[in-house]
């Protein structure tokens, strides 16, 4: 009986690790897409401070522009 419980616990632990890895990879891809889009618009991706971290990177980072607006034309 103990062996069955240990095997079940180990299986749950491995499943949790696998889910975390997949989530981290997705988050990394989302972050890279946000970074690329922000840099293409001439901004700098900065973390949003003062709040609780959200599950998605688009709620944790903001594209910051310094100087003139990116929509300003000469």
N, C-alpha and C. Protein backbone atom coordinates (compact mmCIF):
# COMPACT_ATOMS: atom_id res chain seq x y z
N UNK A 1 0.82 -1.19 0.00
CA UNK A 1 0.00 0.00 0.00
C UNK A 1 0.86 1.26 0.00
N UNK A 2 1.94 1.25 0.79
CA UNK A 2 2.82 2.41 0.85
C UNK A 2 3.49 2.67 -0.49
N UNK A 3 3.87 1.61 -1.17
CA UNK A 3 4.54 1.76 -2.46
C UNK A 3 3.59 2.42 -3.46
N UNK A 4 2.34 2.02 -3.44
CA UNK A 4 1.36 2.61 -4.36
C UNK A 4 1.21 4.10 -4.09
N UNK A 5 1.20 4.50 -2.81
CA UNK A 5 1.07 5.91 -2.45
C UNK A 5 2.31 6.70 -2.88
N UNK A 6 3.48 6.10 -2.73
CA UNK A 6 4.72 6.76 -3.13
C UNK A 6 4.77 6.94 -4.64
N UNK A 7 4.37 5.91 -5.37
CA UNK A 7 4.36 5.98 -6.83
C UNK A 7 3.37 7.05 -7.29
N UNK A 8 2.19 7.09 -6.68
CA UNK A 8 1.19 8.09 -7.04
C UNK A 8 1.70 9.50 -6.75
N UNK A 9 2.34 9.70 -5.61
CA UNK A 9 2.88 11.02 -5.26
C UNK A 9 3.98 11.42 -6.22
N UNK A 10 4.84 10.48 -6.59
CA UNK A 10 5.91 10.78 -7.54
C UNK A 10 5.33 11.14 -8.91
N UNK A 11 4.28 10.46 -9.31
CA UNK A 11 3.63 10.77 -10.59
C UNK A 11 3.03 12.16 -10.59
N UNK A 12 2.40 12.55 -9.49
CA UNK A 12 1.84 13.89 -9.38
C UNK A 12 2.93 14.95 -9.40
N UNK A 13 4.03 14.67 -8.72
CA UNK A 13 5.14 15.63 -8.70
C UNK A 13 5.72 15.82 -10.10
N UNK A 14 5.89 14.74 -10.84
CA UNK A 14 6.41 14.84 -12.20
C UNK A 14 5.43 15.57 -13.12
N UNK A 15 4.16 15.33 -12.94
CA UNK A 15 3.15 16.02 -13.76
C UNK A 15 3.18 17.52 -13.47
N UNK A 16 3.36 17.88 -12.22
CA UNK A 16 3.43 19.31 -11.86
C UNK A 16 4.65 19.96 -12.48
N UNK A 17 5.77 19.27 -12.48
CA UNK A 17 6.99 19.81 -13.08
C UNK A 17 6.80 20.00 -14.58
N UNK A 18 6.17 19.06 -15.23
CA UNK A 18 5.95 19.15 -16.67
C UNK A 18 5.05 20.32 -17.01
N UNK A 19 4.01 20.53 -16.23
CA UNK A 19 3.10 21.66 -16.47
C UNK A 19 3.83 22.97 -16.28
N UNK A 20 4.66 23.07 -15.25
CA UNK A 20 5.42 24.29 -14.99
C UNK A 20 6.36 24.60 -16.14
N UNK A 21 7.01 23.60 -16.68
CA UNK A 21 7.94 23.80 -17.80
C UNK A 21 7.20 24.30 -19.02
N UNK A 22 6.05 23.71 -19.32
CA UNK A 22 5.28 24.14 -20.48
C UNK A 22 4.81 25.58 -20.31
N UNK A 23 4.35 25.93 -19.11
CA UNK A 23 3.90 27.29 -18.84
C UNK A 23 5.05 28.27 -18.97
N UNK A 24 6.22 27.89 -18.46
CA UNK A 24 7.38 28.77 -18.55
C UNK A 24 7.78 29.01 -20.00
N UNK A 25 7.73 27.96 -20.82
CA UNK A 25 8.09 28.12 -22.23
C UNK A 25 7.09 29.03 -22.94
N UNK A 26 5.82 28.87 -22.64
CA UNK A 26 4.80 29.72 -23.25
C UNK A 26 4.99 31.16 -22.82
N UNK A 27 5.25 31.36 -21.54
CA UNK A 27 5.48 32.71 -21.03
C UNK A 27 6.70 33.34 -21.65
N UNK A 28 7.73 32.56 -21.85
CA UNK A 28 8.94 33.07 -22.48
C UNK A 28 8.66 33.48 -23.92
N UNK A 29 7.90 32.70 -24.63
CA UNK A 29 7.55 33.03 -26.01
C UNK A 29 6.70 34.30 -26.04
N UNK A 30 5.79 34.43 -25.08
CA UNK A 30 4.96 35.63 -25.01
C UNK A 30 5.82 36.85 -24.71
N UNK A 31 6.76 36.70 -23.77
CA UNK A 31 7.65 37.80 -23.43
C UNK A 31 8.48 38.23 -24.64
N UNK A 32 9.01 37.26 -25.35
CA UNK A 32 9.84 37.57 -26.53
C UNK A 32 9.02 38.30 -27.60
N UNK A 33 7.75 37.90 -27.78
CA UNK A 33 6.88 38.58 -28.74
C UNK A 33 6.60 40.01 -28.31
N UNK A 34 6.34 40.21 -27.01
CA UNK A 34 6.12 41.56 -26.49
C UNK A 34 7.36 42.43 -26.65
N UNK A 35 8.51 41.86 -26.35
CA UNK A 35 9.77 42.58 -26.46
C UNK A 35 10.04 43.00 -27.90
N UNK A 36 9.85 42.08 -28.82
CA UNK A 36 10.09 42.36 -30.24
C UNK A 36 9.15 43.46 -30.74
N UNK A 37 7.87 43.37 -30.38
CA UNK A 37 6.89 44.38 -30.80
C UNK A 37 7.23 45.75 -30.21
N UNK A 38 7.58 45.78 -28.95
CA UNK A 38 7.91 47.04 -28.29
C UNK A 38 9.15 47.68 -28.91
N UNK A 39 10.18 46.89 -29.14
CA UNK A 39 11.41 47.41 -29.74
C UNK A 39 11.17 47.89 -31.17
N UNK A 40 10.29 47.21 -31.90
CA UNK A 40 9.97 47.62 -33.27
C UNK A 40 9.29 48.99 -33.28
N UNK A 41 8.59 49.33 -32.19
CA UNK A 41 7.93 50.62 -32.09
C UNK A 41 8.82 51.68 -31.45
N UNK A 42 10.06 51.31 -31.12
CA UNK A 42 11.01 52.26 -30.55
C UNK A 42 10.92 52.41 -29.05
N UNK A 43 10.33 51.44 -28.39
CA UNK A 43 10.17 51.50 -26.94
C UNK A 43 11.09 50.53 -26.21
N UNK A 44 10.93 50.54 -24.89
CA UNK A 44 11.70 49.64 -24.03
C UNK A 44 10.72 48.92 -23.12
N UNK A 45 10.76 47.59 -23.11
CA UNK A 45 9.84 46.79 -22.30
C UNK A 45 10.28 46.84 -20.84
N UNK A 46 9.39 47.29 -19.97
CA UNK A 46 9.71 47.43 -18.55
C UNK A 46 8.69 46.66 -17.72
N UNK A 47 9.12 46.07 -16.59
CA UNK A 47 8.16 45.40 -15.72
C UNK A 47 7.27 46.43 -15.02
N UNK A 48 6.02 46.07 -14.82
CA UNK A 48 5.08 46.92 -14.08
C UNK A 48 5.27 46.60 -12.61
N UNK A 49 5.55 47.62 -11.82
CA UNK A 49 5.80 47.41 -10.39
C UNK A 49 4.59 47.83 -9.57
N UNK A 50 4.52 47.31 -8.37
CA UNK A 50 3.49 47.71 -7.43
C UNK A 50 2.28 46.81 -7.39
N UNK A 51 2.17 45.86 -8.25
CA UNK A 51 1.01 44.97 -8.25
C UNK A 51 1.43 43.53 -8.10
N UNK A 52 0.46 42.68 -8.02
CA UNK A 52 0.74 41.25 -7.95
C UNK A 52 1.03 40.72 -9.35
N UNK A 53 1.99 39.81 -9.48
CA UNK A 53 2.30 39.26 -10.80
C UNK A 53 1.09 38.52 -11.38
N UNK A 54 0.86 38.73 -12.66
CA UNK A 54 -0.24 38.05 -13.35
C UNK A 54 0.30 36.82 -14.07
N UNK A 55 -0.60 35.98 -14.52
CA UNK A 55 -0.21 34.74 -15.20
C UNK A 55 0.35 34.99 -16.59
N UNK A 56 -0.02 36.11 -17.21
CA UNK A 56 0.48 36.38 -18.56
C UNK A 56 1.39 37.61 -18.55
N UNK A 57 2.40 37.57 -19.42
CA UNK A 57 3.39 38.63 -19.45
C UNK A 57 2.82 39.96 -19.92
N UNK A 58 1.77 39.96 -20.73
CA UNK A 58 1.22 41.22 -21.22
C UNK A 58 0.65 42.06 -20.08
N UNK A 59 0.32 41.43 -18.96
CA UNK A 59 -0.17 42.17 -17.79
C UNK A 59 0.95 42.53 -16.83
N UNK A 60 2.15 42.00 -17.04
CA UNK A 60 3.28 42.24 -16.15
C UNK A 60 4.29 43.23 -16.71
N UNK A 61 4.20 43.55 -18.00
CA UNK A 61 5.17 44.43 -18.65
C UNK A 61 4.45 45.51 -19.45
N UNK A 62 5.11 46.66 -19.57
CA UNK A 62 4.58 47.76 -20.37
C UNK A 62 5.69 48.26 -21.28
N UNK A 63 5.31 48.72 -22.46
CA UNK A 63 6.26 49.29 -23.41
C UNK A 63 6.40 50.77 -23.08
N UNK A 64 7.59 51.18 -22.70
CA UNK A 64 7.85 52.56 -22.29
C UNK A 64 8.57 53.31 -23.40
N UNK A 65 8.07 54.50 -23.69
CA UNK A 65 8.68 55.35 -24.71
C UNK A 65 9.26 56.58 -24.03
N UNK A 66 10.43 56.97 -24.43
CA UNK A 66 11.06 58.19 -23.89
C UNK A 66 11.17 59.20 -25.02
N UNK A 67 10.96 60.46 -24.71
CA UNK A 67 11.07 61.48 -25.71
C UNK A 67 9.76 61.65 -26.46
N UNK A 68 9.85 61.87 -27.76
CA UNK A 68 8.67 62.11 -28.59
C UNK A 68 7.84 60.85 -28.74
N UNK A 69 6.59 61.04 -29.00
CA UNK A 69 5.68 59.94 -29.24
C UNK A 69 6.11 59.17 -30.49
N UNK A 70 5.96 57.83 -30.50
CA UNK A 70 6.35 57.06 -31.67
C UNK A 70 5.48 57.39 -32.89
N UNK A 71 4.34 58.03 -32.70
CA UNK A 71 3.46 58.39 -33.80
C UNK A 71 3.79 59.76 -34.39
N UNK A 72 4.69 60.47 -33.76
CA UNK A 72 5.07 61.81 -34.25
C UNK A 72 5.86 61.68 -35.54
N UNK A 73 5.48 62.45 -36.53
CA UNK A 73 6.22 62.45 -37.78
C UNK A 73 6.90 63.80 -37.94
N UNK A 74 8.07 63.79 -38.56
CA UNK A 74 8.90 64.97 -38.70
C UNK A 74 8.33 65.97 -39.60
